[in-house]
Amino acid sequence: VVSVMAPAAFAPKGIPGERVTSTLRSPAKNAAVNGKPNSYHLKGLARDSVPPPGMSMSAYVTQLRRLNPGLDVINEGDHAHMEPK
């Protein structure tokens, strides 16, 4: 019997009104958006999102960092990217 370990659960916390724009990507989709070849998106361990209308990206990223202390929350300018530290 071969035991297969499931990947660690990736369930970042967000805020009401945000819009998630990318999570798990296929290799083709990752290449199409110029994603890194070793992107966490390929493993389902990354999430991109944008703030609710009227909220600045800076305020949004600050709030996501407070809600997700175990994740890297990166301000990409036009979206927030979250992945494991």
C-alpha atoms as a PDB file:
ATOM      1  CA  VAL A   1       0.000   0.000   0.000  1.00  0.00           C
ATOM      2  CA  VAL A   2       1.358   3.399  -0.975  1.00  0.00           C
ATOM      3  CA  SER A   3       0.476   6.307   1.271  1.00  0.00           C
ATOM      4  CA  VAL A   4       0.032   9.664  -0.409  1.00  0.00           C
ATOM      5  CA  MET A   5       0.167  12.771   1.747  1.00  0.00           C
ATOM      6  CA  ALA A   6      -2.227  15.530   0.782  1.00  0.00           C
ATOM      7  CA  PRO A   7      -0.664  18.978   0.452  1.00  0.00           C
ATOM      8  CA  ALA A   8      -1.106  21.275   3.404  1.00  0.00           C
ATOM      9  CA  ALA A   9      -4.450  23.040   3.366  1.00  0.00           C
ATOM     10  CA  PHE A  10      -4.199  26.497   1.870  1.00  0.00           C
ATOM     11  CA  ALA A  11      -7.124  28.576   3.038  1.00  0.00           C
ATOM     12  CA  PRO A  12      -6.145  32.233   3.344  1.00  0.00           C
ATOM     13  CA  LYS A  13      -8.559  34.587   5.019  1.00  0.00           C
ATOM     14  CA  GLY A  14      -9.998  37.470   3.037  1.00  0.00           C
ATOM     15  CA  ILE A  15     -12.394  40.326   3.602  1.00  0.00           C
ATOM     16  CA  PRO A  16     -15.946  41.020   2.438  1.00  0.00           C
ATOM     17  CA  GLY A  17     -16.159  42.554  -1.031  1.00  0.00           C
ATOM     18  CA  GLU A  18     -12.718  41.472  -2.228  1.00  0.00           C
ATOM     19  CA  ARG A  19     -12.410  39.690  -5.580  1.00  0.00           C
ATOM     20  CA  VAL A  20     -10.161  36.644  -5.931  1.00  0.00           C
ATOM     21  CA  THR A  21      -8.551  36.747  -9.371  1.00  0.00           C
ATOM     22  CA  SER A  22      -6.274  33.687  -9.406  1.00  0.00           C
ATOM     23  CA  THR A  23      -5.678  30.522  -7.392  1.00  0.00           C
ATOM     24  CA  LEU A  24      -4.677  27.171  -8.909  1.00  0.00           C
ATOM     25  CA  ARG A  25      -3.248  27.530 -12.409  1.00  0.00           C
ATOM     26  CA  SER A  26      -2.429  24.991 -15.078  1.00  0.00           C
ATOM     27  CA  PRO A  27       1.088  25.175 -16.525  1.00  0.00           C
ATOM     28  CA  ALA A  28      -0.389  26.652 -19.727  1.00  0.00           C
ATOM     29  CA  LYS A  29      -2.308  29.369 -17.856  1.00  0.00           C
ATOM     30  CA  ASN A  30       0.736  30.136 -15.712  1.00  0.00           C
ATOM     31  CA  ALA A  31       2.875  30.588 -18.834  1.00  0.00           C
ATOM     32  CA  ALA A  32       0.181  32.731 -20.473  1.00  0.00           C
ATOM     33  CA  VAL A  33       0.243  35.192 -17.561  1.00  0.00           C
ATOM     34  CA  ASN A  34       4.065  35.144 -17.380  1.00  0.00           C
ATOM     35  CA  GLY A  35       4.014  33.342 -14.033  1.00  0.00           C
ATOM     36  CA  LYS A  36       7.240  32.038 -12.546  1.00  0.00           C
ATOM     37  CA  PRO A  37       8.039  28.443 -13.568  1.00  0.00           C
ATOM     38  CA  ASN A  38       8.055  27.413  -9.886  1.00  0.00           C
ATOM     39  CA  SER A  39       4.951  29.465  -8.949  1.00  0.00           C
ATOM     40  CA  TYR A  40       2.957  28.401  -5.895  1.00  0.00           C
ATOM     41  CA  HIS A  41      -0.107  28.845  -8.143  1.00  0.00           C
ATOM     42  CA  LEU A  42       0.869  25.576  -9.878  1.00  0.00           C
ATOM     43  CA  LYS A  43       0.460  23.766  -6.548  1.00  0.00           C
ATOM     44  CA  GLY A  44      -2.719  25.533  -5.446  1.00  0.00           C
ATOM     45  CA  LEU A  45      -0.755  27.331  -2.728  1.00  0.00           C
ATOM     46  CA  ALA A  46      -1.191  30.933  -3.887  1.00  0.00           C
ATOM     47  CA  ARG A  47      -4.011  33.391  -4.209  1.00  0.00           C
ATOM     48  CA  ASP A  48      -4.258  36.731  -6.014  1.00  0.00           C
ATOM     49  CA  SER A  49      -7.025  39.165  -5.161  1.00  0.00           C
ATOM     50  CA  VAL A  50      -8.097  42.780  -5.372  1.00  0.00           C
ATOM     51  CA  PRO A  51      -9.665  44.950  -2.676  1.00  0.00           C
ATOM     52  CA  PRO A  52     -13.309  45.883  -2.433  1.00  0.00           C
ATOM     53  CA  PRO A  53     -14.346  49.032  -4.276  1.00  0.00           C
ATOM     54  CA  GLY A  54     -13.164  52.138  -2.450  1.00  0.00           C
ATOM     55  CA  MET A  55     -10.349  50.466  -0.488  1.00  0.00           C
ATOM     56  CA  SER A  56      -6.740  51.273  -1.325  1.00  0.00           C
ATOM     57  CA  MET A  57      -4.371  48.427  -2.154  1.00  0.00           C
ATOM     58  CA  SER A  58      -2.156  49.492   0.751  1.00  0.00           C
ATOM     59  CA  ALA A  59      -4.994  49.273   3.287  1.00  0.00           C
ATOM     60  CA  TYR A  60      -6.108  45.973   1.784  1.00  0.00           C
ATOM     61  CA  VAL A  61      -2.652  44.388   2.005  1.00  0.00           C
ATOM     62  CA  THR A  62      -2.256  45.623   5.588  1.00  0.00           C
ATOM     63  CA  GLN A  63      -5.550  43.976   6.537  1.00  0.00           C
ATOM     64  CA  LEU A  64      -4.657  40.715   4.770  1.00  0.00           C
ATOM     65  CA  ARG A  65      -1.318  40.607   6.603  1.00  0.00           C
ATOM     66  CA  ARG A  66      -3.121  40.944   9.941  1.00  0.00           C
ATOM     67  CA  LEU A  67      -5.551  38.163   9.017  1.00  0.00           C
ATOM     68  CA  ASN A  68      -2.870  35.823   7.617  1.00  0.00           C
ATOM     69  CA  PRO A  69       0.257  36.057   9.799  1.00  0.00           C
ATOM     70  CA  GLY A  70       1.567  32.710   8.517  1.00  0.00           C
ATOM     71  CA  LEU A  71       1.555  33.794   4.868  1.00  0.00           C
ATOM     72  CA  ASP A  72       3.595  36.147   2.741  1.00  0.00           C
ATOM     73  CA  VAL A  73       1.219  38.864   1.555  1.00  0.00           C
ATOM     74  CA  ILE A  74       2.787  40.801  -1.297  1.00  0.00           C
ATOM     75  CA  ASN A  75       1.496  44.071  -2.724  1.00  0.00           C
ATOM     76  CA  GLU A  76       1.907  43.600  -6.480  1.00  0.00           C
ATOM     77  CA  GLY A  77       0.487  47.059  -7.244  1.00  0.00           C
ATOM     78  CA  ASP A  78      -2.650  45.926  -9.068  1.00  0.00           C
ATOM     79  CA  HIS A  79      -3.370  42.928  -6.816  1.00  0.00           C
ATOM     80  CA  ALA A  80      -2.354  41.248  -3.568  1.00  0.00           C
ATOM     81  CA  HIS A  81      -0.536  37.928  -3.783  1.00  0.00           C
ATOM     82  CA  MET A  82      -0.525  35.434  -0.883  1.00  0.00           C
ATOM     83  CA  GLU A  83       1.675  32.352  -0.570  1.00  0.00           C
ATOM     84  CA  PRO A  84       3.370  30.307   2.176  1.00  0.00           C
ATOM     85  CA  LYS A  85       6.328  31.905   3.948  1.00  0.00           C
END
